Structure formats: structure tokens, C-alpha cells
């Protein structure tokens, strides 16, 4: 007969690494649901005319999907969110970068699906990989800034910097 104390503690310890992520995503989901039901009263929000139903990118055509925390496809165009940098997901350089990158990806999915948005151009149209460079905003506020505030991104300062 197994020791029931050992069985329950083993099950919980298996979940320990993902509990903080689950709590953050749970809170983010609550916030996203609340903001969807709140009436738009800000004139800047009424100027947000872009919207789509986003999924995570996978196999097949990439029309409206999220690649990672700072890259998405919108209407088939690959867009790099120009004002932020998020941890790499493919491949991450360490476990912590992988965890944060995954959390940033799912949070961007929530933010992109939370209502109309705008794509603000910057001084360059494309990066060296052919991605359109845009700042994603809602109500005049950077959605990338939300990721920065939540510790899932940092403001882009040029070049690559390690997350590990």
C-alpha cells in the first residue's frame, strides 16, 4: 500500500514550477474578461479600428495568429511589435527564458483578442527579416507596455540582450 502523504506531496511538487505562471495567467484572464465587458468611453479607444480573432500560430496558413510575445501575423502580414523585446521561445536559451517567453506569448494572445486596437508605424517600415515594425496600441496606450508592466517584456533598446 502506498503512503498517501507521499503521493499527495509528489503531485503538488510536480505543479510547483507552473503555479506562479498559472496565477499570473488566471489574473490576466480575469482582467481581460473585465475589460471586454467595460464600455468604451475613451475617444482614443473609438479610433482603434483594427480587430481579429487571434490564435497561436501553428501549421498551415498564418493569417491572424501570435508567434511569440513580440511577433504576430495580422491579415497575413508578419508584424514585429517595435517598442518591446520579449524572451525567446524557439529556442529559449534557458528554462527561465522559456517560461517567461511562453507567458508573454499567451498574454499577447489575450491582449490582442481583448478588443479593437491600432497599429502605429515607427520611423522604419520593416526590419531586416521583412517584418513590419509597428507599435500595437489600444486607447492610445501601448499593449507592449502592458507586457513590460507585468514583467513579461522590456522596452526595446536595440540589439539582442540575454534573458538568462
C-alpha atoms as a PDB file:
ATOM      1  CA  UNK A   1       0.000   0.000   0.000  1.00  0.00           C
ATOM      2  CA  UNK A   2       1.324   3.475  -0.883  1.00  0.00           C
ATOM      3  CA  UNK A   3       1.841   6.201   1.634  1.00  0.00           C
ATOM      4  CA  UNK A   4      -0.925   8.757   0.908  1.00  0.00           C
ATOM      5  CA  UNK A   5       1.176  11.641   2.234  1.00  0.00           C
ATOM      6  CA  UNK A   6       3.942  10.849  -0.197  1.00  0.00           C
ATOM      7  CA  UNK A   7       1.519  10.568  -3.114  1.00  0.00           C
ATOM      8  CA  UNK A   8      -0.139  13.942  -2.473  1.00  0.00           C
ATOM      9  CA  UNK A   9       3.131  15.809  -1.905  1.00  0.00           C
ATOM     10  CA  UNK A  10       4.605  14.352  -5.092  1.00  0.00           C
ATOM     11  CA  UNK A  11       1.592  15.508  -7.090  1.00  0.00           C
ATOM     12  CA  UNK A  12       1.855  19.036  -5.678  1.00  0.00           C
ATOM     13  CA  UNK A  13       5.612  19.296  -6.179  1.00  0.00           C
ATOM     14  CA  UNK A  14       5.103  18.448  -9.843  1.00  0.00           C
ATOM     15  CA  UNK A  15       2.922  21.567 -10.120  1.00  0.00           C
ATOM     16  CA  UNK A  16       5.190  23.956  -8.162  1.00  0.00           C
ATOM     17  CA  UNK A  17       7.111  25.259 -11.224  1.00  0.00           C
ATOM     18  CA  UNK A  18       3.919  26.245 -13.069  1.00  0.00           C
ATOM     19  CA  UNK A  19       1.822  27.578 -10.174  1.00  0.00           C
ATOM     20  CA  UNK A  20       3.159  31.183 -10.416  1.00  0.00           C
ATOM     21  CA  UNK A  21       2.528  31.164 -14.172  1.00  0.00           C
ATOM     22  CA  UNK A  22      -0.974  29.775 -13.652  1.00  0.00           C
ATOM     23  CA  UNK A  23      -1.737  32.512 -11.104  1.00  0.00           C
ATOM     24  CA  UNK A  24      -0.464  35.282 -13.413  1.00  0.00           C
ATOM     25  CA  UNK A  25      -2.391  33.941 -16.406  1.00  0.00           C
ATOM     26  CA  UNK A  26      -5.503  33.445 -14.274  1.00  0.00           C
ATOM     27  CA  UNK A  27      -5.367  37.059 -13.101  1.00  0.00           C
ATOM     28  CA  UNK A  28      -4.681  38.232 -16.650  1.00  0.00           C
ATOM     29  CA  UNK A  29      -7.658  36.257 -17.910  1.00  0.00           C
ATOM     30  CA  UNK A  30      -9.885  37.868 -15.299  1.00  0.00           C
ATOM     31  CA  UNK A  31      -8.623  41.311 -16.280  1.00  0.00           C
ATOM     32  CA  UNK A  32      -9.115  40.564 -19.988  1.00  0.00           C
ATOM     33  CA  UNK A  33     -12.706  39.422 -19.402  1.00  0.00           C
ATOM     34  CA  UNK A  34     -13.431  42.504 -17.319  1.00  0.00           C
ATOM     35  CA  UNK A  35     -12.054  44.876 -19.933  1.00  0.00           C
ATOM     36  CA  UNK A  36     -14.099  43.198 -22.661  1.00  0.00           C
ATOM     37  CA  UNK A  37     -17.297  43.917 -20.760  1.00  0.00           C
ATOM     38  CA  UNK A  38     -16.394  47.513 -19.842  1.00  0.00           C
ATOM     39  CA  UNK A  39     -17.942  50.173 -22.108  1.00  0.00           C
ATOM     40  CA  UNK A  40     -15.553  52.116 -24.317  1.00  0.00           C
ATOM     41  CA  UNK A  41     -15.709  55.704 -23.131  1.00  0.00           C
ATOM     42  CA  UNK A  42     -12.333  56.987 -24.249  1.00  0.00           C
ATOM     43  CA  UNK A  43     -12.292  58.829 -27.593  1.00  0.00           C
ATOM     44  CA  UNK A  44      -8.899  57.241 -28.342  1.00  0.00           C
ATOM     45  CA  UNK A  45     -10.437  53.779 -27.996  1.00  0.00           C
ATOM     46  CA  UNK A  46     -13.046  54.656 -30.611  1.00  0.00           C
ATOM     47  CA  UNK A  47     -10.179  55.378 -33.024  1.00  0.00           C
ATOM     48  CA  UNK A  48      -8.936  51.775 -32.728  1.00  0.00           C
ATOM     49  CA  UNK A  49     -10.260  50.242 -35.928  1.00  0.00           C
ATOM     50  CA  UNK A  50      -8.267  47.011 -36.277  1.00  0.00           C
ATOM     51  CA  UNK A  51      -9.509  43.726 -34.833  1.00  0.00           C
ATOM     52  CA  UNK A  52      -9.309  39.999 -35.436  1.00  0.00           C
ATOM     53  CA  UNK A  53      -9.775  36.688 -33.697  1.00  0.00           C
ATOM     54  CA  UNK A  54      -6.203  35.590 -32.950  1.00  0.00           C
ATOM     55  CA  UNK A  55      -4.929  32.071 -32.266  1.00  0.00           C
ATOM     56  CA  UNK A  56      -1.445  30.766 -31.603  1.00  0.00           C
ATOM     57  CA  UNK A  57       0.471  30.212 -34.841  1.00  0.00           C
ATOM     58  CA  UNK A  58       0.866  26.599 -35.843  1.00  0.00           C
ATOM     59  CA  UNK A  59       0.993  24.605 -39.029  1.00  0.00           C
ATOM     60  CA  UNK A  60      -0.835  25.954 -42.034  1.00  0.00           C
ATOM     61  CA  UNK A  61      -1.558  29.489 -43.172  1.00  0.00           C
ATOM     62  CA  UNK A  62      -0.680  32.308 -40.796  1.00  0.00           C
ATOM     63  CA  UNK A  63      -3.418  34.887 -41.123  1.00  0.00           C
ATOM     64  CA  UNK A  64      -4.244  36.185 -37.607  1.00  0.00           C
ATOM     65  CA  UNK A  65      -2.026  34.470 -35.077  1.00  0.00           C
ATOM     66  CA  UNK A  66       0.537  35.058 -32.354  1.00  0.00           C
ATOM     67  CA  UNK A  67       4.097  33.789 -32.979  1.00  0.00           C
ATOM     68  CA  UNK A  68       5.565  34.853 -29.632  1.00  0.00           C
ATOM     69  CA  UNK A  69       5.397  37.748 -27.183  1.00  0.00           C
ATOM     70  CA  UNK A  70       6.525  40.376 -29.699  1.00  0.00           C
ATOM     71  CA  UNK A  71       5.591  38.946 -33.108  1.00  0.00           C
ATOM     72  CA  UNK A  72       2.211  38.304 -34.700  1.00  0.00           C
ATOM     73  CA  UNK A  73       0.506  37.881 -38.043  1.00  0.00           C
ATOM     74  CA  UNK A  74      -2.367  40.231 -38.785  1.00  0.00           C
ATOM     75  CA  UNK A  75      -4.283  39.799 -42.029  1.00  0.00           C
ATOM     76  CA  UNK A  76      -1.410  37.613 -43.249  1.00  0.00           C
ATOM     77  CA  UNK A  77       1.273  40.261 -42.603  1.00  0.00           C
ATOM     78  CA  UNK A  78       4.064  39.434 -40.146  1.00  0.00           C
ATOM     79  CA  UNK A  79       4.446  42.238 -37.598  1.00  0.00           C
ATOM     80  CA  UNK A  80       7.189  42.794 -35.045  1.00  0.00           C
ATOM     81  CA  UNK A  81       5.952  44.837 -32.083  1.00  0.00           C
ATOM     82  CA  UNK A  82       8.546  47.593 -32.295  1.00  0.00           C
ATOM     83  CA  UNK A  83       8.573  49.057 -28.801  1.00  0.00           C
ATOM     84  CA  UNK A  84       9.284  45.885 -26.783  1.00  0.00           C
ATOM     85  CA  UNK A  85      11.504  42.825 -26.581  1.00  0.00           C
ATOM     86  CA  UNK A  86      10.241  39.563 -25.092  1.00  0.00           C
ATOM     87  CA  UNK A  87      12.089  36.373 -24.157  1.00  0.00           C
ATOM     88  CA  UNK A  88      12.804  33.910 -26.960  1.00  0.00           C
ATOM     89  CA  UNK A  89      10.638  30.822 -27.239  1.00  0.00           C
ATOM     90  CA  UNK A  90      12.187  28.980 -30.166  1.00  0.00           C
ATOM     91  CA  UNK A  91      14.568  28.006 -28.776  1.00  0.00           C
ATOM     92  CA  UNK A  92      14.878  29.584 -25.335  1.00  0.00           C
ATOM     93  CA  UNK A  93      18.437  29.845 -24.033  1.00  0.00           C
ATOM     94  CA  UNK A  94      17.471  28.739 -20.505  1.00  0.00           C
ATOM     95  CA  UNK A  95      14.434  27.419 -18.637  1.00  0.00           C
ATOM     96  CA  UNK A  96      13.519  30.834 -17.189  1.00  0.00           C
ATOM     97  CA  UNK A  97      13.587  32.461 -20.621  1.00  0.00           C
ATOM     98  CA  UNK A  98      11.332  29.672 -21.927  1.00  0.00           C
ATOM     99  CA  UNK A  99       8.858  30.153 -19.062  1.00  0.00           C
ATOM    100  CA  UNK A 100       8.709  33.931 -19.488  1.00  0.00           C
ATOM    101  CA  UNK A 101       8.542  33.671 -23.279  1.00  0.00           C
ATOM    102  CA  UNK A 102       5.583  31.307 -23.102  1.00  0.00           C
ATOM    103  CA  UNK A 103       3.810  33.559 -20.595  1.00  0.00           C
ATOM    104  CA  UNK A 104       4.429  36.612 -22.834  1.00  0.00           C
ATOM    105  CA  UNK A 105       3.062  34.736 -25.852  1.00  0.00           C
ATOM    106  CA  UNK A 106      -0.170  33.773 -24.088  1.00  0.00           C
ATOM    107  CA  UNK A 107      -0.570  37.264 -22.612  1.00  0.00           C
ATOM    108  CA  UNK A 108      -0.174  38.873 -26.048  1.00  0.00           C
ATOM    109  CA  UNK A 109      -2.840  36.470 -27.318  1.00  0.00           C
ATOM    110  CA  UNK A 110      -5.201  37.713 -24.590  1.00  0.00           C
ATOM    111  CA  UNK A 111      -4.394  41.375 -25.216  1.00  0.00           C
ATOM    112  CA  UNK A 112      -4.795  41.090 -28.994  1.00  0.00           C
ATOM    113  CA  UNK A 113      -8.196  39.417 -28.569  1.00  0.00           C
ATOM    114  CA  UNK A 114      -9.461  41.868 -25.938  1.00  0.00           C
ATOM    115  CA  UNK A 115     -10.907  44.329 -28.466  1.00  0.00           C
ATOM    116  CA  UNK A 116     -10.102  46.757 -31.265  1.00  0.00           C
ATOM    117  CA  UNK A 117      -6.533  48.040 -31.497  1.00  0.00           C
ATOM    118  CA  UNK A 118      -4.324  50.240 -33.653  1.00  0.00           C
ATOM    119  CA  UNK A 119      -1.012  49.578 -35.380  1.00  0.00           C
ATOM    120  CA  UNK A 120       1.198  52.654 -35.134  1.00  0.00           C
ATOM    121  CA  UNK A 121       4.095  52.939 -37.608  1.00  0.00           C
ATOM    122  CA  UNK A 122       7.570  53.940 -36.446  1.00  0.00           C
ATOM    123  CA  UNK A 123      10.451  55.604 -38.317  1.00  0.00           C
ATOM    124  CA  UNK A 124      11.249  52.338 -40.191  1.00  0.00           C
ATOM    125  CA  UNK A 125       8.642  50.291 -42.054  1.00  0.00           C
ATOM    126  CA  UNK A 126      10.378  46.886 -41.863  1.00  0.00           C
ATOM    127  CA  UNK A 127      13.183  45.122 -40.046  1.00  0.00           C
ATOM    128  CA  UNK A 128      15.935  43.126 -41.755  1.00  0.00           C
ATOM    129  CA  UNK A 129      13.730  39.997 -41.664  1.00  0.00           C
ATOM    130  CA  UNK A 130      10.916  41.660 -43.634  1.00  0.00           C
ATOM    131  CA  UNK A 131       8.598  42.034 -40.643  1.00  0.00           C
ATOM    132  CA  UNK A 132       6.530  45.214 -40.469  1.00  0.00           C
ATOM    133  CA  UNK A 133       7.548  47.311 -37.458  1.00  0.00           C
ATOM    134  CA  UNK A 134       4.531  48.617 -35.563  1.00  0.00           C
ATOM    135  CA  UNK A 135       3.518  49.631 -32.040  1.00  0.00           C
ATOM    136  CA  UNK A 136       0.326  47.858 -31.003  1.00  0.00           C
ATOM    137  CA  UNK A 137      -1.962  50.223 -29.081  1.00  0.00           C
ATOM    138  CA  UNK A 138      -5.433  50.363 -27.600  1.00  0.00           C
ATOM    139  CA  UNK A 139      -6.868  53.661 -26.472  1.00  0.00           C
ATOM    140  CA  UNK A 140      -3.550  55.311 -27.257  1.00  0.00           C
ATOM    141  CA  UNK A 141      -1.662  53.055 -24.814  1.00  0.00           C
ATOM    142  CA  UNK A 142       0.997  50.563 -25.870  1.00  0.00           C
ATOM    143  CA  UNK A 143      -0.073  46.946 -25.351  1.00  0.00           C
ATOM    144  CA  UNK A 144       3.640  46.157 -25.236  1.00  0.00           C
ATOM    145  CA  UNK A 145       3.790  48.496 -22.241  1.00  0.00           C
ATOM    146  CA  UNK A 146       1.298  46.222 -20.521  1.00  0.00           C
ATOM    147  CA  UNK A 147       3.694  43.309 -21.036  1.00  0.00           C
ATOM    148  CA  UNK A 148       6.542  45.446 -19.657  1.00  0.00           C
ATOM    149  CA  UNK A 149       4.451  46.412 -16.604  1.00  0.00           C
ATOM    150  CA  UNK A 150       3.686  42.727 -15.988  1.00  0.00           C
ATOM    151  CA  UNK A 151       7.369  41.719 -16.188  1.00  0.00           C
ATOM    152  CA  UNK A 152       6.918  39.752 -19.429  1.00  0.00           C
ATOM    153  CA  UNK A 153       8.826  42.161 -21.704  1.00  0.00           C
ATOM    154  CA  UNK A 154      11.268  45.063 -21.615  1.00  0.00           C
ATOM    155  CA  UNK A 155      11.347  48.230 -23.667  1.00  0.00           C
ATOM    156  CA  UNK A 156      13.265  47.656 -26.888  1.00  0.00           C
ATOM    157  CA  UNK A 157      16.649  49.403 -26.857  1.00  0.00           C
ATOM    158  CA  UNK A 158      18.196  47.884 -29.963  1.00  0.00           C
ATOM    159  CA  UNK A 159      20.245  44.756 -30.368  1.00  0.00           C
ATOM    160  CA  UNK A 160      19.929  41.477 -28.552  1.00  0.00           C
ATOM    161  CA  UNK A 161      20.288  41.234 -24.800  1.00  0.00           C
ATOM    162  CA  UNK A 162      20.190  37.964 -22.860  1.00  0.00           C
ATOM    163  CA  UNK A 163      17.275  36.949 -20.631  1.00  0.00           C
ATOM    164  CA  UNK A 164      19.242  34.228 -18.813  1.00  0.00           C
END
